[in-house]
Amino acid sequence: MSRAPAMKCPHCRANAWARTSRELSPLLREIYYQCSDVECGHTWVATLEASRTLSPSAKANPAISKTLPSSQWIPTLSTAPKPVLKGGTDDQPSLFDESASR
């Protein structure tokens, strides 16, 4: 098995070891983890999923390309909607307003 992503035990926060893994599909892998703290002894299963394409493959598999979305659909900071602040007042001066007195 190639190196699995590092994780910490969700209970004691000690480092965990990936003991084994298995492929569930070309986009999904199950990883079995074990806590390194013998007094804790927690073991668990985590999943690793390919969620979107950042750079298209030069050897694209058509079956995968149809199911793995491109990252183009993710809004950027410039196109994301502006947050609506709650609890503020309209008469509060802006930090960036140069006409506000100090």
N, C-alpha and C. Protein backbone atom coordinates (compact mmCIF):
# COMPACT_ATOMS: atom_id res chain seq x y z
N MET A 1 0.84 -1.19 0.00
CA MET A 1 0.00 0.00 0.00
C MET A 1 0.89 1.25 0.00
N SER A 2 0.54 2.21 -0.80
CA SER A 2 1.27 3.47 -0.77
C SER A 2 0.91 4.20 0.52
N ARG A 3 1.62 5.23 0.80
CA ARG A 3 1.44 5.96 2.05
C ARG A 3 0.04 6.57 2.14
N ALA A 4 -0.66 6.29 3.23
CA ALA A 4 -2.01 6.82 3.45
C ALA A 4 -1.93 8.18 4.11
N PRO A 5 -2.97 9.00 3.99
CA PRO A 5 -2.96 10.31 4.64
C PRO A 5 -2.81 10.16 6.16
N ALA A 6 -2.02 11.04 6.75
CA ALA A 6 -1.82 11.02 8.19
C ALA A 6 -3.11 11.41 8.91
N MET A 7 -3.39 10.71 9.98
CA MET A 7 -4.55 11.04 10.82
C MET A 7 -4.16 10.93 12.27
N LYS A 8 -4.93 11.60 13.09
CA LYS A 8 -4.78 11.48 14.54
C LYS A 8 -6.01 10.76 15.07
N CYS A 9 -5.83 10.07 16.17
CA CYS A 9 -6.95 9.36 16.80
C CYS A 9 -8.01 10.40 17.21
N PRO A 10 -9.27 10.18 16.84
CA PRO A 10 -10.30 11.15 17.21
C PRO A 10 -10.57 11.21 18.71
N HIS A 11 -10.10 10.21 19.47
CA HIS A 11 -10.35 10.20 20.91
C HIS A 11 -9.20 10.80 21.71
N CYS A 12 -7.98 10.30 21.51
CA CYS A 12 -6.85 10.77 22.34
C CYS A 12 -5.90 11.69 21.59
N ARG A 13 -6.09 11.88 20.29
CA ARG A 13 -5.31 12.76 19.43
C ARG A 13 -3.87 12.29 19.21
N ALA A 14 -3.57 11.02 19.53
CA ALA A 14 -2.25 10.45 19.23
C ALA A 14 -2.18 10.16 17.73
N ASN A 15 -0.98 10.03 17.20
CA ASN A 15 -0.83 9.67 15.79
C ASN A 15 -1.45 8.30 15.55
N ALA A 16 -1.96 8.10 14.34
CA ALA A 16 -2.56 6.82 13.98
C ALA A 16 -1.81 6.22 12.81
N TRP A 17 -1.86 4.90 12.72
CA TRP A 17 -1.24 4.18 11.62
C TRP A 17 -2.31 3.62 10.71
N ALA A 18 -2.08 3.72 9.42
CA ALA A 18 -2.95 3.06 8.45
C ALA A 18 -2.49 1.61 8.38
N ARG A 19 -3.33 0.69 8.79
CA ARG A 19 -2.96 -0.72 8.83
C ARG A 19 -3.15 -1.40 7.48
N THR A 20 -4.25 -1.08 6.81
CA THR A 20 -4.53 -1.64 5.50
C THR A 20 -5.58 -0.77 4.82
N SER A 21 -5.83 -1.05 3.56
CA SER A 21 -6.88 -0.33 2.85
C SER A 21 -7.42 -1.22 1.75
N ARG A 22 -8.58 -0.83 1.23
CA ARG A 22 -9.12 -1.57 0.10
C ARG A 22 -9.85 -0.60 -0.81
N GLU A 23 -9.75 -0.87 -2.10
CA GLU A 23 -10.41 -0.03 -3.10
C GLU A 23 -11.86 -0.46 -3.23
N LEU A 24 -12.77 0.48 -3.04
CA LEU A 24 -14.19 0.21 -3.21
C LEU A 24 -14.63 0.53 -4.63
N SER A 25 -13.97 1.52 -5.25
CA SER A 25 -14.21 1.90 -6.63
C SER A 25 -12.99 2.69 -7.09
N PRO A 26 -12.89 3.03 -8.36
CA PRO A 26 -11.74 3.82 -8.80
C PRO A 26 -11.66 5.20 -8.13
N LEU A 27 -12.75 5.65 -7.54
CA LEU A 27 -12.77 6.97 -6.88
C LEU A 27 -12.85 6.89 -5.36
N LEU A 28 -12.96 5.69 -4.78
CA LEU A 28 -13.20 5.56 -3.34
C LEU A 28 -12.35 4.45 -2.74
N ARG A 29 -11.70 4.76 -1.64
CA ARG A 29 -10.86 3.79 -0.93
C ARG A 29 -11.21 3.84 0.56
N GLU A 30 -11.27 2.68 1.19
CA GLU A 30 -11.50 2.56 2.63
C GLU A 30 -10.15 2.31 3.30
N ILE A 31 -9.83 3.08 4.35
CA ILE A 31 -8.54 2.95 5.04
C ILE A 31 -8.81 2.57 6.49
N TYR A 32 -8.14 1.52 6.95
CA TYR A 32 -8.29 1.04 8.33
C TYR A 32 -7.15 1.64 9.16
N TYR A 33 -7.51 2.38 10.21
CA TYR A 33 -6.52 3.06 11.06
C TYR A 33 -6.49 2.44 12.46
N GLN A 34 -5.32 2.55 13.11
CA GLN A 34 -5.13 2.09 14.48
C GLN A 34 -4.38 3.17 15.25
N CYS A 35 -4.88 3.50 16.43
CA CYS A 35 -4.23 4.49 17.30
C CYS A 35 -2.88 3.95 17.76
N SER A 36 -1.87 4.81 17.79
CA SER A 36 -0.53 4.40 18.23
C SER A 36 -0.41 4.33 19.74
N ASP A 37 -1.38 4.89 20.46
CA ASP A 37 -1.37 4.84 21.93
C ASP A 37 -2.00 3.52 22.37
N VAL A 38 -1.18 2.61 22.91
CA VAL A 38 -1.68 1.29 23.29
C VAL A 38 -2.72 1.35 24.40
N GLU A 39 -2.68 2.40 25.22
CA GLU A 39 -3.68 2.55 26.28
C GLU A 39 -5.04 2.95 25.70
N CYS A 40 -5.04 3.62 24.56
CA CYS A 40 -6.29 4.00 23.89
C CYS A 40 -6.83 2.82 23.08
N GLY A 41 -6.02 2.34 22.14
CA GLY A 41 -6.37 1.15 21.38
C GLY A 41 -7.48 1.30 20.35
N HIS A 42 -7.89 2.52 20.05
CA HIS A 42 -9.00 2.73 19.11
C HIS A 42 -8.59 2.31 17.69
N THR A 43 -9.50 1.63 17.00
CA THR A 43 -9.34 1.33 15.58
C THR A 43 -10.59 1.81 14.87
N TRP A 44 -10.43 2.31 13.63
CA TRP A 44 -11.57 2.83 12.88
C TRP A 44 -11.31 2.77 11.39
N VAL A 45 -12.35 3.02 10.64
CA VAL A 45 -12.27 3.02 9.19
C VAL A 45 -12.57 4.43 8.69
N ALA A 46 -11.76 4.92 7.77
CA ALA A 46 -11.97 6.22 7.13
C ALA A 46 -12.10 5.99 5.64
N THR A 47 -12.70 6.93 4.94
CA THR A 47 -12.80 6.82 3.49
C THR A 47 -12.03 7.95 2.83
N LEU A 48 -11.43 7.63 1.70
CA LEU A 48 -10.70 8.59 0.90
C LEU A 48 -11.36 8.62 -0.46
N GLU A 49 -11.82 9.79 -0.87
CA GLU A 49 -12.56 9.91 -2.12
C GLU A 49 -11.94 10.96 -3.03
N ALA A 50 -11.84 10.65 -4.31
CA ALA A 50 -11.48 11.65 -5.31
C ALA A 50 -12.74 12.45 -5.57
N SER A 51 -12.74 13.74 -5.24
CA SER A 51 -13.98 14.52 -5.29
C SER A 51 -14.12 15.43 -6.51
N ARG A 52 -13.01 15.90 -7.08
CA ARG A 52 -13.11 16.74 -8.28
C ARG A 52 -11.75 16.80 -8.98
N THR A 53 -11.78 17.17 -10.23
CA THR A 53 -10.57 17.28 -11.05
C THR A 53 -10.03 18.70 -10.99
N LEU A 54 -8.74 18.83 -10.72
CA LEU A 54 -8.09 20.14 -10.74
C LEU A 54 -7.41 20.38 -12.08
N SER A 55 -6.78 19.35 -12.61
CA SER A 55 -6.13 19.43 -13.92
C SER A 55 -6.49 18.15 -14.68
N PRO A 56 -7.07 18.27 -15.87
CA PRO A 56 -7.51 17.09 -16.60
C PRO A 56 -6.35 16.15 -16.92
N SER A 57 -6.64 14.86 -16.96
CA SER A 57 -5.65 13.84 -17.28
C SER A 57 -5.35 13.83 -18.77
N ALA A 58 -4.10 13.56 -19.11
CA ALA A 58 -3.72 13.39 -20.51
C ALA A 58 -4.14 12.00 -21.01
N LYS A 59 -4.48 11.10 -20.07
CA LYS A 59 -4.93 9.74 -20.39
C LYS A 59 -6.31 9.52 -19.80
N ALA A 60 -7.22 10.41 -20.04
CA ALA A 60 -8.53 10.40 -19.40
C ALA A 60 -9.30 9.11 -19.65
N ASN A 61 -9.87 8.57 -18.57
CA ASN A 61 -10.76 7.42 -18.64
C ASN A 61 -12.17 7.98 -18.80
N PRO A 62 -12.86 7.74 -19.92
CA PRO A 62 -14.18 8.33 -20.15
C PRO A 62 -15.19 8.01 -19.05
N ALA A 63 -15.12 6.82 -18.48
CA ALA A 63 -16.06 6.46 -17.41
C ALA A 63 -15.84 7.31 -16.16
N ILE A 64 -14.60 7.63 -15.88
CA ILE A 64 -14.28 8.46 -14.71
C ILE A 64 -14.56 9.92 -15.01
N SER A 65 -14.21 10.38 -16.19
CA SER A 65 -14.41 11.79 -16.56
C SER A 65 -15.87 12.21 -16.45
N LYS A 66 -16.80 11.30 -16.70
CA LYS A 66 -18.23 11.61 -16.60
C LYS A 66 -18.69 11.78 -15.16
N THR A 67 -18.05 11.07 -14.23
CA THR A 67 -18.50 11.10 -12.83
C THR A 67 -17.70 12.05 -11.95
N LEU A 68 -16.51 12.43 -12.36
CA LEU A 68 -15.65 13.29 -11.55
C LEU A 68 -15.75 14.72 -12.07
N PRO A 69 -16.42 15.61 -11.33
CA PRO A 69 -16.62 16.96 -11.84
C PRO A 69 -15.32 17.76 -11.91
N SER A 70 -15.35 18.76 -12.77
CA SER A 70 -14.24 19.70 -12.88
C SER A 70 -14.36 20.70 -11.74
N SER A 71 -13.26 21.31 -11.37
CA SER A 71 -13.29 22.29 -10.28
C SER A 71 -13.85 23.63 -10.73
N GLN A 72 -14.26 23.76 -11.99
CA GLN A 72 -14.75 25.03 -12.50
C GLN A 72 -16.04 25.48 -11.83
N TRP A 73 -16.81 24.57 -11.27
CA TRP A 73 -18.09 24.92 -10.67
C TRP A 73 -17.93 25.56 -9.29
N ILE A 74 -16.75 25.50 -8.71
CA ILE A 74 -16.53 26.06 -7.37
C ILE A 74 -16.42 27.58 -7.47
N PRO A 75 -17.22 28.32 -6.70
CA PRO A 75 -17.14 29.78 -6.79
C PRO A 75 -15.81 30.30 -6.27
N THR A 76 -15.29 31.32 -6.91
CA THR A 76 -14.07 31.96 -6.44
C THR A 76 -14.47 33.11 -5.52
N LEU A 77 -13.50 33.69 -4.86
CA LEU A 77 -13.80 34.81 -3.95
C LEU A 77 -14.43 35.97 -4.69
N SER A 78 -14.02 36.20 -5.94
CA SER A 78 -14.55 37.34 -6.68
C SER A 78 -15.98 37.12 -7.14
N THR A 79 -16.40 35.84 -7.31
CA THR A 79 -17.76 35.56 -7.78
C THR A 79 -18.68 35.08 -6.67
N ALA A 80 -18.13 34.81 -5.50
CA ALA A 80 -18.96 34.32 -4.39
C ALA A 80 -19.88 35.43 -3.90
N PRO A 81 -21.09 35.07 -3.44
CA PRO A 81 -21.99 36.09 -2.93
C PRO A 81 -21.40 36.78 -1.70
N LYS A 82 -21.70 38.05 -1.55
CA LYS A 82 -21.21 38.81 -0.41
C LYS A 82 -21.95 38.37 0.85
N PRO A 83 -21.25 38.22 1.99
CA PRO A 83 -21.93 37.79 3.21
C PRO A 83 -22.85 38.89 3.74
N VAL A 84 -23.93 38.46 4.34
CA VAL A 84 -24.87 39.39 4.96
C VAL A 84 -24.56 39.40 6.45
N LEU A 85 -24.16 40.57 6.95
CA LEU A 85 -23.81 40.70 8.36
C LEU A 85 -25.07 40.97 9.16
N LYS A 86 -25.22 40.24 10.24
CA LYS A 86 -26.40 40.41 11.09
C LYS A 86 -25.99 41.12 12.38
N GLY A 87 -26.87 41.93 12.89
CA GLY A 87 -26.62 42.58 14.17
C GLY A 87 -25.91 43.91 14.07
N GLY A 88 -25.47 44.32 12.90
CA GLY A 88 -24.78 45.59 12.73
C GLY A 88 -25.78 46.72 12.57
N THR A 89 -25.32 47.95 12.70
CA THR A 89 -26.20 49.11 12.52
C THR A 89 -25.76 49.87 11.29
N ASP A 90 -26.71 50.55 10.66
CA ASP A 90 -26.41 51.30 9.44
C ASP A 90 -25.57 52.55 9.73
N ASP A 91 -25.63 53.07 10.96
CA ASP A 91 -24.90 54.30 11.26
C ASP A 91 -23.47 54.02 11.74
N GLN A 92 -23.05 52.77 11.75
CA GLN A 92 -21.69 52.44 12.16
C GLN A 92 -20.73 52.79 11.03
N PRO A 93 -19.67 53.59 11.29
CA PRO A 93 -18.75 53.97 10.22
C PRO A 93 -17.92 52.78 9.75
N SER A 94 -17.57 52.81 8.49
CA SER A 94 -16.75 51.76 7.90
C SER A 94 -15.30 51.95 8.33
N LEU A 95 -14.59 50.84 8.49
CA LEU A 95 -13.17 50.92 8.80
C LEU A 95 -12.38 51.50 7.62
N PHE A 96 -12.95 51.39 6.42
CA PHE A 96 -12.25 51.84 5.23
C PHE A 96 -12.74 53.19 4.72
N ASP A 97 -13.66 53.80 5.42
CA ASP A 97 -14.20 55.09 5.03
C ASP A 97 -13.23 56.17 5.49
N GLU A 98 -12.59 56.87 4.54
CA GLU A 98 -11.58 57.88 4.87
C GLU A 98 -12.21 59.14 5.48
N SER A 99 -13.49 59.34 5.26
CA SER A 99 -14.13 60.53 5.80
C SER A 99 -14.54 60.38 7.27
N ALA A 100 -14.46 59.15 7.79
CA ALA A 100 -14.82 58.94 9.19
C ALA A 100 -13.74 59.54 10.09
N SER A 101 -14.15 60.21 11.13
CA SER A 101 -13.19 60.84 12.04
C SER A 101 -12.65 59.80 13.01
N ARG A 102 -11.46 60.08 13.49
CA ARG A 102 -10.82 59.14 14.42
C ARG A 102 -10.95 59.60 15.83
